[in-house]
C-alpha atoms as a PDB file:
ATOM      1  CA  MET A   1       3.121   7.115  22.869  1.00  0.00           C
ATOM      2  CA  PHE A   2       6.795   6.878  22.012  1.00  0.00           C
ATOM      3  CA  SER A   3       8.055   6.622  25.891  1.00  0.00           C
ATOM      4  CA  LYS A   4       8.028   2.740  26.006  1.00  0.00           C
ATOM      5  CA  PRO A   5       8.417   0.021  23.719  1.00  0.00           C
ATOM      6  CA  SER A   6       5.418  -0.946  21.704  1.00  0.00           C
ATOM      7  CA  LEU A   7       4.646  -3.482  19.148  1.00  0.00           C
ATOM      8  CA  ILE A   8       1.562  -1.477  17.838  1.00  0.00           C
ATOM      9  CA  THR A   9       3.772   1.654  17.693  1.00  0.00           C
ATOM     10  CA  ARG A  10       6.255  -0.301  15.534  1.00  0.00           C
ATOM     11  CA  ILE A  11       3.935  -1.616  13.206  1.00  0.00           C
ATOM     12  CA  ALA A  12       2.193   1.779  12.899  1.00  0.00           C
ATOM     13  CA  ILE A  13       5.689   3.357  11.954  1.00  0.00           C
ATOM     14  CA  GLY A  14       6.607   0.292   9.468  1.00  0.00           C
ATOM     15  CA  LYS A  15       3.240   0.916   7.846  1.00  0.00           C
ATOM     16  CA  ALA A  16       3.360   4.654   7.428  1.00  0.00           C
ATOM     17  CA  ILE A  17       6.955   4.465   6.052  1.00  0.00           C
ATOM     18  CA  GLY A  18       5.626   1.708   3.638  1.00  0.00           C
ATOM     19  CA  LEU A  19       2.829   3.785   2.779  1.00  0.00           C
ATOM     20  CA  LEU A  20       5.196   6.784   2.022  1.00  0.00           C
ATOM     21  CA  PHE A  21       7.153   4.647  -0.471  1.00  0.00           C
ATOM     22  CA  GLY A  22       4.247   3.071  -1.702  1.00  0.00           C
ATOM     23  CA  LEU A  23       2.673   6.273  -2.538  1.00  0.00           C
ATOM     24  CA  ILE A  24       5.975   7.296  -4.298  1.00  0.00           C
ATOM     25  CA  GLY A  25       5.837   4.246  -6.536  1.00  0.00           C
ATOM     26  CA  PHE A  26       2.146   4.565  -7.058  1.00  0.00           C
ATOM     27  CA  PHE A  27       2.669   8.292  -8.435  1.00  0.00           C
ATOM     28  CA  LEU A  28       5.964   7.712  -9.925  1.00  0.00           C
ATOM     29  CA  LEU A  29       5.542   4.680 -11.674  1.00  0.00           C
ATOM     30  CA  PRO A  30       3.259   6.065 -14.803  1.00  0.00           C
ATOM     31  CA  SER A  31       6.196   8.599 -15.515  1.00  0.00           C
ATOM     32  CA  ILE A  32       8.945   6.123 -15.877  1.00  0.00           C
ATOM     33  CA  TRP A  33       7.120   3.075 -17.027  1.00  0.00           C
ATOM     34  CA  PRO A  34       3.956   4.511 -19.143  1.00  0.00           C
ATOM     35  CA  GLU A  35       2.619   0.796 -19.731  1.00  0.00           C
ATOM     36  CA  ALA A  36       1.930   0.504 -15.779  1.00  0.00           C
ATOM     37  CA  ASP A  37      -1.690  -0.261 -15.254  1.00  0.00           C
ATOM     38  CA  MET A  38      -3.648   0.565 -12.446  1.00  0.00           C
ATOM     39  CA  LEU A  39      -3.635  -2.901 -11.141  1.00  0.00           C
ATOM     40  CA  ILE A  40       0.403  -2.719 -10.689  1.00  0.00           C
ATOM     41  CA  ARG A  41       0.059   0.726  -9.078  1.00  0.00           C
ATOM     42  CA  TRP A  42      -2.322  -0.541  -6.567  1.00  0.00           C
ATOM     43  CA  GLY A  43      -0.193  -3.606  -6.141  1.00  0.00           C
ATOM     44  CA  VAL A  44       3.003  -1.285  -5.345  1.00  0.00           C
ATOM     45  CA  LEU A  45       1.045   0.962  -2.805  1.00  0.00           C
ATOM     46  CA  PHE A  46      -0.180  -2.196  -0.913  1.00  0.00           C
ATOM     47  CA  TRP A  47       2.756  -4.324  -0.938  1.00  0.00           C
ATOM     48  CA  TYR A  48       4.853  -1.718   0.762  1.00  0.00           C
ATOM     49  CA  VAL A  49       2.184  -0.779   3.658  1.00  0.00           C
ATOM     50  CA  THR A  50       2.492  -4.625   4.023  1.00  0.00           C
ATOM     51  CA  PHE A  51       6.136  -4.983   3.805  1.00  0.00           C
ATOM     52  CA  GLY A  52       6.238  -2.094   6.634  1.00  0.00           C
ATOM     53  CA  ALA A  53       3.948  -4.231   9.117  1.00  0.00           C
ATOM     54  CA  ILE A  54       6.088  -7.367   8.436  1.00  0.00           C
ATOM     55  CA  ILE A  55       9.393  -5.607   9.308  1.00  0.00           C
ATOM     56  CA  GLY A  56       7.580  -3.913  12.429  1.00  0.00           C
ATOM     57  CA  MET A  57       6.353  -7.091  13.560  1.00  0.00           C
ATOM     58  CA  ALA A  58       9.470  -8.753  13.239  1.00  0.00           C
ATOM     59  CA  GLY A  59      11.259  -6.491  15.653  1.00  0.00           C
ATOM     60  CA  VAL A  60      10.025  -8.420  18.491  1.00  0.00           C
ATOM     61  CA  ILE A  61      12.523 -11.221  17.752  1.00  0.00           C
ATOM     62  CA  ILE A  62      16.083 -10.138  18.507  1.00  0.00           C
ATOM     63  CA  TYR A  63      17.745 -13.583  19.154  1.00  0.00           C
ATOM     64  CA  HIS A  64      17.582 -16.357  16.472  1.00  0.00           C
ATOM     65  CA  PRO A  65      16.450 -19.504  18.410  1.00  0.00           C
ATOM     66  CA  VAL A  66      18.139 -22.053  15.642  1.00  0.00           C
ATOM     67  CA  VAL A  67      21.503 -20.622  15.256  1.00  0.00           C
ATOM     68  CA  LYS A  68      21.673 -19.155  18.887  1.00  0.00           C
ATOM     69  CA  LEU A  69      22.835 -15.682  17.628  1.00  0.00           C
ATOM     70  CA  PRO A  70      21.601 -11.970  18.239  1.00  0.00           C
ATOM     71  CA  LEU A  71      19.519 -10.632  15.671  1.00  0.00           C
ATOM     72  CA  PRO A  72      20.038  -6.803  15.753  1.00  0.00           C
ATOM     73  CA  TRP A  73      17.442  -4.642  13.951  1.00  0.00           C
ATOM     74  CA  TRP A  74      20.199  -3.395  11.389  1.00  0.00           C
ATOM     75  CA  LEU A  75      20.588  -7.226  10.333  1.00  0.00           C
ATOM     76  CA  GLN A  76      17.251  -8.510  10.467  1.00  0.00           C
ATOM     77  CA  SER A  77      15.476  -5.528   8.691  1.00  0.00           C
ATOM     78  CA  PRO A  78      17.486  -5.428   5.712  1.00  0.00           C
ATOM     79  CA  LEU A  79      17.626  -9.243   5.352  1.00  0.00           C
ATOM     80  CA  LEU A  80      13.345  -9.526   5.643  1.00  0.00           C
ATOM     81  CA  GLY A  81      13.372  -6.945   3.341  1.00  0.00           C
ATOM     82  CA  ALA A  82      15.662  -8.452   0.566  1.00  0.00           C
ATOM     83  CA  TRP A  83      13.745 -11.273   1.094  1.00  0.00           C
ATOM     84  CA  LEU A  84      10.130  -9.984   0.762  1.00  0.00           C
ATOM     85  CA  ASN A  85      11.437  -8.347  -2.557  1.00  0.00           C
ATOM     86  CA  LEU A  86      12.883 -11.646  -3.728  1.00  0.00           C
ATOM     87  CA  VAL A  87       9.626 -13.233  -3.180  1.00  0.00           C
ATOM     88  CA  LEU A  88       7.826 -10.647  -5.116  1.00  0.00           C
ATOM     89  CA  THR A  89      10.472 -10.803  -7.937  1.00  0.00           C
ATOM     90  CA  PHE A  90       9.745 -14.627  -8.363  1.00  0.00           C
ATOM     91  CA  PHE A  91       5.851 -13.352  -8.611  1.00  0.00           C
ATOM     92  CA  ALA A  92       6.394 -10.483 -10.708  1.00  0.00           C
ATOM     93  CA  TYR A  93       9.482 -11.098 -12.991  1.00  0.00           C
ATOM     94  CA  ASP A  94       8.184 -10.629 -16.288  1.00  0.00           C
ATOM     95  CA  LYS A  95       6.560  -7.081 -15.361  1.00  0.00           C
ATOM     96  CA  LEU A  96       9.495  -5.935 -13.599  1.00  0.00           C
ATOM     97  CA  HIS A  97      11.805  -6.807 -16.278  1.00  0.00           C
ATOM     98  CA  ALA A  98       9.754  -5.044 -18.960  1.00  0.00           C
ATOM     99  CA  MET A  99       9.520  -2.138 -16.595  1.00  0.00           C
ATOM    100  CA  LEU A 100      13.386  -2.129 -16.216  1.00  0.00           C
ATOM    101  CA  VAL A 101      13.925  -2.403 -19.898  1.00  0.00           C
ATOM    102  CA  SER A 102      11.474   0.503 -20.849  1.00  0.00           C
ATOM    103  CA  MET A 103      13.206   2.731 -18.181  1.00  0.00           C
ATOM    104  CA  LEU A 104      17.033   1.680 -18.702  1.00  0.00           C
ATOM    105  CA  GLY A 105      17.072   0.234 -22.238  1.00  0.00           C
ATOM    106  CA  ALA A 106      17.692  -3.328 -23.373  1.00  0.00           C
ATOM    107  CA  ASP A 107      21.357  -3.107 -23.174  1.00  0.00           C
ATOM    108  CA  SER A 108      21.769  -1.977 -19.825  1.00  0.00           C
ATOM    109  CA  CYS A 109      23.421  -4.307 -17.218  1.00  0.00           C
ATOM    110  CA  LEU A 110      20.566  -3.190 -14.623  1.00  0.00           C
ATOM    111  CA  THR A 111      17.650  -4.545 -16.400  1.00  0.00           C
ATOM    112  CA  SER A 112      17.527  -7.488 -14.126  1.00  0.00           C
ATOM    113  CA  PRO A 113      14.655  -7.612 -11.735  1.00  0.00           C
ATOM    114  CA  PHE A 114      16.668  -9.013  -9.048  1.00  0.00           C
ATOM    115  CA  TRP A 115      17.896  -5.419  -8.327  1.00  0.00           C
ATOM    116  CA  ILE A 116      14.611  -5.128  -6.639  1.00  0.00           C
ATOM    117  CA  VAL A 117      15.846  -7.189  -3.956  1.00  0.00           C
ATOM    118  CA  LEU A 118      18.702  -4.733  -2.951  1.00  0.00           C
ATOM    119  CA  GLU A 119      15.959  -1.898  -2.795  1.00  0.00           C
ATOM    120  CA  GLY A 120      14.153  -4.193  -0.698  1.00  0.00           C
ATOM    121  CA  ALA A 121      17.221  -4.385   1.830  1.00  0.00           C
ATOM    122  CA  ILE A 122      17.464  -0.512   1.709  1.00  0.00           C
ATOM    123  CA  ILE A 123      13.822   0.157   2.453  1.00  0.00           C
ATOM    124  CA  GLY A 124      13.801  -2.409   5.150  1.00  0.00           C
ATOM    125  CA  LEU A 125      16.738  -0.943   6.608  1.00  0.00           C
ATOM    126  CA  ILE A 126      14.987   2.455   6.605  1.00  0.00           C
ATOM    127  CA  ILE A 127      11.940   0.851   8.295  1.00  0.00           C
ATOM    128  CA  GLY A 128      13.855  -0.958  10.844  1.00  0.00           C
ATOM    129  CA  TYR A 129      15.662   2.064  11.808  1.00  0.00           C
ATOM    130  CA  PHE A 130      12.249   4.068  12.670  1.00  0.00           C
ATOM    131  CA  ALA A 131      10.265   1.340  13.988  1.00  0.00           C
ATOM    132  CA  THR A 132      13.131   0.603  16.435  1.00  0.00           C
ATOM    133  CA  ARG A 133      13.770   4.191  17.447  1.00  0.00           C
ATOM    134  CA  PHE A 134      10.295   5.078  18.216  1.00  0.00           C
ATOM    135  CA  GLY A 135       9.014   1.716  18.890  1.00  0.00           C
ATOM    136  CA  GLY A 136      11.662  -0.164  20.451  1.00  0.00           C
ATOM    137  CA  GLU A 137      12.600  -3.881  19.986  1.00  0.00           C
ATOM    138  CA  GLY A 138      12.519  -7.119  21.729  1.00  0.00           C
ATOM    139  CA  GLU A 139      10.085  -8.607  24.285  1.00  0.00           C
ATOM    140  CA  ALA A 140       9.610  -5.486  25.781  1.00  0.00           C
ATOM    141  CA  THR A 141       7.607  -4.570  22.472  1.00  0.00           C
ATOM    142  CA  ALA A 142       5.169  -7.563  23.260  1.00  0.00           C
ATOM    143  CA  GLY A 143       3.977  -6.398  26.475  1.00  0.00           C
ATOM    144  CA  LYS A 144       6.044  -8.838  28.547  1.00  0.00           C
END
C-alpha cells in the first residue's frame, strides 16, 4: 500500500491524523472548557477529519501556476492548515474567545482566537509530513 504514490493513501493518512487530533479535542474539550456543548465537540471532531482530507488532497499540487514557484509540502501544508483555521476563527470567533478566556483568564495575552491559526499551521505540518512520507506527492499520486 505504501510502495507507490497514491492520492487515496494521502487522503486516508490525512483523515486518520485529523481524526486523532479531532478525538483529542472531542475528549479534552469538556475538561478545559466545561461550557462546551456536544455540538462544538462534534464540530471539532469533524473539522479536523475534513482538515486532514483537504491537506491530503492538496499534495497533488507541487508547483504554484500563478507565481511560478515550487510548492513543497513543508510550505504548502502549514499554509493550508493556517488558512483553514483562520476561516474557522472567523466563523467561531465568539466561542473560541470564550473558551480561551475560560482557560487562561481575561488578562492573558493568549486569549485571542487567532492563536488557533498557529495551531492549524502546526497540525497541517504534521499531516503534510506523514501524508507525503507514506502517500507521496505530485502528479504521481493522481495516477498519471
